[in-house]
Amino acid sequence: MQLIIFDLDGTLIDSKYDLANALKITALSLNYPYISANEIPALLGDGAGILVAKAFGL
């Protein structure tokens, strides 16, 4: 049997550092200021589109 597990809310692993790194790389490539990993938890819970909008002030 094969199994794929999706952990989209951080239950199994703390992914805020991965999200922060992805947002940082994106921000740097677009010449936007980036946010720290400590700011990520406040942005979570509304989906990826809202996360990106909040992170970049859109």
PDB file of N, CA and C in Angstrom:
ATOM      1  N   MET A   1       0.840  -1.165   0.000  1.00  0.00           N
ATOM      2  CA  MET A   1       0.000   0.000   0.000  1.00  0.00           C
ATOM      3  C   MET A   1       0.892   1.238   0.000  1.00  0.00           C
ATOM      4  N   GLN A   2       0.498   2.243  -0.764  1.00  0.00           N
ATOM      5  CA  GLN A   2       1.207   3.518  -0.787  1.00  0.00           C
ATOM      6  C   GLN A   2       0.358   4.556  -0.078  1.00  0.00           C
ATOM      7  N   LEU A   3       1.037   5.492   0.551  1.00  0.00           N
ATOM      8  CA  LEU A   3       0.331   6.500   1.325  1.00  0.00           C
ATOM      9  C   LEU A   3       0.995   7.849   1.144  1.00  0.00           C
ATOM     10  N   ILE A   4       0.197   8.861   0.932  1.00  0.00           N
ATOM     11  CA  ILE A   4       0.687  10.237   0.859  1.00  0.00           C
ATOM     12  C   ILE A   4      -0.008  11.010   1.964  1.00  0.00           C
ATOM     13  N   ILE A   5       0.782  11.699   2.766  1.00  0.00           N
ATOM     14  CA  ILE A   5       0.229  12.488   3.861  1.00  0.00           C
ATOM     15  C   ILE A   5       0.486  13.961   3.587  1.00  0.00           C
ATOM     16  N   PHE A   6      -0.562  14.748   3.665  1.00  0.00           N
ATOM     17  CA  PHE A   6      -0.446  16.195   3.525  1.00  0.00           C
ATOM     18  C   PHE A   6      -0.614  16.819   4.904  1.00  0.00           C
ATOM     19  N   ASP A   7       0.326  17.636   5.291  1.00  0.00           N
ATOM     20  CA  ASP A   7       0.266  18.329   6.576  1.00  0.00           C
ATOM     21  C   ASP A   7       0.220  19.820   6.292  1.00  0.00           C
ATOM     22  N   LEU A   8      -0.964  20.329   6.040  1.00  0.00           N
ATOM     23  CA  LEU A   8      -1.100  21.719   5.629  1.00  0.00           C
ATOM     24  C   LEU A   8      -1.289  22.683   6.790  1.00  0.00           C
ATOM     25  N   ASP A   9      -1.440  22.163   7.991  1.00  0.00           N
ATOM     26  CA  ASP A   9      -1.667  23.060   9.123  1.00  0.00           C
ATOM     27  C   ASP A   9      -0.595  22.967  10.197  1.00  0.00           C
ATOM     28  N   GLY A  10       0.501  22.259   9.912  1.00  0.00           N
ATOM     29  CA  GLY A  10       1.598  22.199  10.869  1.00  0.00           C
ATOM     30  C   GLY A  10       1.401  21.206  11.996  1.00  0.00           C
ATOM     31  N   THR A  11       0.466  20.270  11.858  1.00  0.00           N
ATOM     32  CA  THR A  11       0.222  19.288  12.905  1.00  0.00           C
ATOM     33  C   THR A  11       1.380  18.305  13.042  1.00  0.00           C
ATOM     34  N   LEU A  12       1.907  17.831  11.932  1.00  0.00           N
ATOM     35  CA  LEU A  12       2.969  16.831  11.972  1.00  0.00           C
ATOM     36  C   LEU A  12       4.364  17.439  12.004  1.00  0.00           C
ATOM     37  N   ILE A  13       4.558  18.507  11.291  1.00  0.00           N
ATOM     38  CA  ILE A  13       5.851  19.199  11.297  1.00  0.00           C
ATOM     39  C   ILE A  13       5.616  20.702  11.386  1.00  0.00           C
ATOM     40  N   ASP A  14       6.586  21.389  11.950  1.00  0.00           N
ATOM     41  CA  ASP A  14       6.508  22.850  12.029  1.00  0.00           C
ATOM     42  C   ASP A  14       7.097  23.400  10.742  1.00  0.00           C
ATOM     43  N   SER A  15       6.232  23.834   9.842  1.00  0.00           N
ATOM     44  CA  SER A  15       6.685  24.256   8.514  1.00  0.00           C
ATOM     45  C   SER A  15       6.843  25.763   8.378  1.00  0.00           C
ATOM     46  N   LYS A  16       6.747  26.504   9.488  1.00  0.00           N
ATOM     47  CA  LYS A  16       6.832  27.962   9.366  1.00  0.00           C
ATOM     48  C   LYS A  16       8.183  28.407   8.818  1.00  0.00           C
ATOM     49  N   TYR A  17       9.248  27.664   9.122  1.00  0.00           N
ATOM     50  CA  TYR A  17      10.564  28.045   8.608  1.00  0.00           C
ATOM     51  C   TYR A  17      10.667  27.789   7.106  1.00  0.00           C
ATOM     52  N   ASP A  18      10.028  26.717   6.643  1.00  0.00           N
ATOM     53  CA  ASP A  18       9.988  26.445   5.203  1.00  0.00           C
ATOM     54  C   ASP A  18       9.177  27.514   4.479  1.00  0.00           C
ATOM     55  N   LEU A  19       8.051  27.886   5.054  1.00  0.00           N
ATOM     56  CA  LEU A  19       7.229  28.946   4.462  1.00  0.00           C
ATOM     57  C   LEU A  19       7.972  30.274   4.456  1.00  0.00           C
ATOM     58  N   ALA A  20       8.638  30.578   5.566  1.00  0.00           N
ATOM     59  CA  ALA A  20       9.392  31.830   5.650  1.00  0.00           C
ATOM     60  C   ALA A  20      10.494  31.860   4.608  1.00  0.00           C
ATOM     61  N   ASN A  21      11.178  30.737   4.419  1.00  0.00           N
ATOM     62  CA  ASN A  21      12.251  30.673   3.429  1.00  0.00           C
ATOM     63  C   ASN A  21      11.703  30.843   2.016  1.00  0.00           C
ATOM     64  N   ALA A  22      10.587  30.200   1.722  1.00  0.00           N
ATOM     65  CA  ALA A  22       9.973  30.336   0.395  1.00  0.00           C
ATOM     66  C   ALA A  22       9.528  31.772   0.146  1.00  0.00           C
ATOM     67  N   LEU A  23       8.933  32.399   1.159  1.00  0.00           N
ATOM     68  CA  LEU A  23       8.509  33.789   1.014  1.00  0.00           C
ATOM     69  C   LEU A  23       9.708  34.718   0.870  1.00  0.00           C
ATOM     70  N   LYS A  24      10.789  34.416   1.595  1.00  0.00           N
ATOM     71  CA  LYS A  24      12.004  35.239   1.506  1.00  0.00           C
ATOM     72  C   LYS A  24      12.606  35.172   0.107  1.00  0.00           C
ATOM     73  N   ILE A  25      12.721  33.970  -0.434  1.00  0.00           N
ATOM     74  CA  ILE A  25      13.277  33.797  -1.780  1.00  0.00           C
ATOM     75  C   ILE A  25      12.418  34.533  -2.806  1.00  0.00           C
ATOM     76  N   THR A  26      11.098  34.399  -2.666  1.00  0.00           N
ATOM     77  CA  THR A  26      10.189  35.090  -3.579  1.00  0.00           C
ATOM     78  C   THR A  26      10.322  36.598  -3.441  1.00  0.00           C
ATOM     79  N   ALA A  27      10.343  37.080  -2.208  1.00  0.00           N
ATOM     80  CA  ALA A  27      10.455  38.524  -1.966  1.00  0.00           C
ATOM     81  C   ALA A  27      11.750  39.079  -2.537  1.00  0.00           C
ATOM     82  N   LEU A  28      12.853  38.394  -2.305  1.00  0.00           N
ATOM     83  CA  LEU A  28      14.137  38.869  -2.816  1.00  0.00           C
ATOM     84  C   LEU A  28      14.156  38.905  -4.337  1.00  0.00           C
ATOM     85  N   SER A  29      13.540  37.900  -4.963  1.00  0.00           N
ATOM     86  CA  SER A  29      13.534  37.872  -6.429  1.00  0.00           C
ATOM     87  C   SER A  29      12.662  38.982  -7.017  1.00  0.00           C
ATOM     88  N   LEU A  30      11.711  39.491  -6.224  1.00  0.00           N
ATOM     89  CA  LEU A  30      10.820  40.561  -6.684  1.00  0.00           C
ATOM     90  C   LEU A  30      11.177  41.921  -6.088  1.00  0.00           C
ATOM     91  N   ASN A  31      12.305  41.976  -5.374  1.00  0.00           N
ATOM     92  CA  ASN A  31      12.749  43.202  -4.694  1.00  0.00           C
ATOM     93  C   ASN A  31      11.726  43.721  -3.679  1.00  0.00           C
ATOM     94  N   TYR A  32      11.056  42.810  -2.987  1.00  0.00           N
ATOM     95  CA  TYR A  32      10.140  43.154  -1.907  1.00  0.00           C
ATOM     96  C   TYR A  32      10.858  42.919  -0.580  1.00  0.00           C
ATOM     97  N   PRO A  33      10.470  43.626   0.474  1.00  0.00           N
ATOM     98  CA  PRO A  33      11.006  43.289   1.798  1.00  0.00           C
ATOM     99  C   PRO A  33      10.419  41.945   2.228  1.00  0.00           C
ATOM    100  N   TYR A  34      11.149  41.191   3.020  1.00  0.00           N
ATOM    101  CA  TYR A  34      10.639  39.894   3.454  1.00  0.00           C
ATOM    102  C   TYR A  34      10.406  39.889   4.956  1.00  0.00           C
ATOM    103  N   ILE A  35       9.556  38.959   5.391  1.00  0.00           N
ATOM    104  CA  ILE A  35       9.207  38.857   6.796  1.00  0.00           C
ATOM    105  C   ILE A  35       9.977  37.714   7.435  1.00  0.00           C
ATOM    106  N   SER A  36      10.079  37.745   8.748  1.00  0.00           N
ATOM    107  CA  SER A  36      10.818  36.711   9.473  1.00  0.00           C
ATOM    108  C   SER A  36       9.929  35.499   9.731  1.00  0.00           C
ATOM    109  N   ALA A  37      10.562  34.386  10.081  1.00  0.00           N
ATOM    110  CA  ALA A  37       9.830  33.161  10.391  1.00  0.00           C
ATOM    111  C   ALA A  37       8.902  33.364  11.582  1.00  0.00           C
ATOM    112  N   ASN A  38       9.263  34.246  12.492  1.00  0.00           N
ATOM    113  CA  ASN A  38       8.430  34.494  13.668  1.00  0.00           C
ATOM    114  C   ASN A  38       7.116  35.187  13.321  1.00  0.00           C
ATOM    115  N   GLU A  39       7.056  35.830  12.183  1.00  0.00           N
ATOM    116  CA  GLU A  39       5.833  36.517  11.761  1.00  0.00           C
ATOM    117  C   GLU A  39       4.870  35.604  10.999  1.00  0.00           C
ATOM    118  N   ILE A  40       5.344  34.451  10.563  1.00  0.00           N
ATOM    119  CA  ILE A  40       4.546  33.537   9.745  1.00  0.00           C
ATOM    120  C   ILE A  40       3.283  33.028  10.449  1.00  0.00           C
ATOM    121  N   PRO A  41       3.354  32.565  11.707  1.00  0.00           N
ATOM    122  CA  PRO A  41       2.140  32.000  12.324  1.00  0.00           C
ATOM    123  C   PRO A  41       0.932  32.933  12.296  1.00  0.00           C
ATOM    124  N   ALA A  42       1.142  34.215  12.409  1.00  0.00           N
ATOM    125  CA  ALA A  42       0.030  35.170  12.381  1.00  0.00           C
ATOM    126  C   ALA A  42      -0.621  35.257  11.003  1.00  0.00           C
ATOM    127  N   LEU A  43       0.077  34.794   9.970  1.00  0.00           N
ATOM    128  CA  LEU A  43      -0.438  34.877   8.605  1.00  0.00           C
ATOM    129  C   LEU A  43      -1.114  33.591   8.143  1.00  0.00           C
ATOM    130  N   LEU A  44      -1.010  32.530   8.919  1.00  0.00           N
ATOM    131  CA  LEU A  44      -1.521  31.224   8.508  1.00  0.00           C
ATOM    132  C   LEU A  44      -3.009  31.066   8.799  1.00  0.00           C
ATOM    133  N   GLY A  45      -3.636  30.176   8.052  1.00  0.00           N
ATOM    134  CA  GLY A  45      -5.009  29.792   8.323  1.00  0.00           C
ATOM    135  C   GLY A  45      -6.027  30.196   7.279  1.00  0.00           C
ATOM    136  N   ASP A  46      -5.662  31.071   6.362  1.00  0.00           N
ATOM    137  CA  ASP A  46      -6.620  31.533   5.361  1.00  0.00           C
ATOM    138  C   ASP A  46      -6.277  31.083   3.948  1.00  0.00           C
ATOM    139  N   GLY A  47      -5.316  30.203   3.800  1.00  0.00           N
ATOM    140  CA  GLY A  47      -4.925  29.717   2.482  1.00  0.00           C
ATOM    141  C   GLY A  47      -3.706  30.430   1.933  1.00  0.00           C
ATOM    142  N   ALA A  48      -3.139  29.840   0.899  1.00  0.00           N
ATOM    143  CA  ALA A  48      -1.889  30.345   0.320  1.00  0.00           C
ATOM    144  C   ALA A  48      -2.035  31.730  -0.293  1.00  0.00           C
ATOM    145  N   GLY A  49      -3.138  31.979  -0.968  1.00  0.00           N
ATOM    146  CA  GLY A  49      -3.335  33.286  -1.603  1.00  0.00           C
ATOM    147  C   GLY A  49      -3.345  34.421  -0.595  1.00  0.00           C
ATOM    148  N   ILE A  50      -4.043  34.214   0.502  1.00  0.00           N
ATOM    149  CA  ILE A  50      -4.109  35.227   1.558  1.00  0.00           C
ATOM    150  C   ILE A  50      -2.753  35.358   2.243  1.00  0.00           C
ATOM    151  N   LEU A  51      -2.063  34.241   2.448  1.00  0.00           N
ATOM    152  CA  LEU A  51      -0.729  34.268   3.053  1.00  0.00           C
ATOM    153  C   LEU A  51       0.209  35.150   2.241  1.00  0.00           C
ATOM    154  N   VAL A  52       0.238  34.943   0.942  1.00  0.00           N
ATOM    155  CA  VAL A  52       1.114  35.731   0.068  1.00  0.00           C
ATOM    156  C   VAL A  52       0.692  37.196   0.071  1.00  0.00           C
ATOM    157  N   ALA A  53      -0.601  37.448   0.000  1.00  0.00           N
ATOM    158  CA  ALA A  53      -1.091  38.833   0.010  1.00  0.00           C
ATOM    159  C   ALA A  53      -0.709  39.545   1.301  1.00  0.00           C
ATOM    160  N   LYS A  54      -0.887  38.874   2.427  1.00  0.00           N
ATOM    161  CA  LYS A  54      -0.526  39.475   3.713  1.00  0.00           C
ATOM    162  C   LYS A  54       0.985  39.661   3.829  1.00  0.00           C
ATOM    163  N   ALA A  55       1.743  38.669   3.386  1.00  0.00           N
ATOM    164  CA  ALA A  55       3.204  38.728   3.500  1.00  0.00           C
ATOM    165  C   ALA A  55       3.793  39.871   2.688  1.00  0.00           C
ATOM    166  N   PHE A  56       3.183  40.173   1.549  1.00  0.00           N
ATOM    167  CA  PHE A  56       3.713  41.217   0.675  1.00  0.00           C
ATOM    168  C   PHE A  56       2.885  42.498   0.707  1.00  0.00           C
ATOM    169  N   GLY A  57       1.929  42.566   1.628  1.00  0.00           N
ATOM    170  CA  GLY A  57       1.131  43.778   1.772  1.00  0.00           C
ATOM    171  C   GLY A  57       0.270  44.099   0.565  1.00  0.00           C
ATOM    172  N   LEU A  58      -0.244  43.072  -0.086  1.00  0.00           N
ATOM    173  CA  LEU A  58      -1.070  43.268  -1.286  1.00  0.00           C
ATOM    174  C   LEU A  58      -2.543  43.357  -0.938  1.00  0.00           C
TER     175      LEU A  58
END
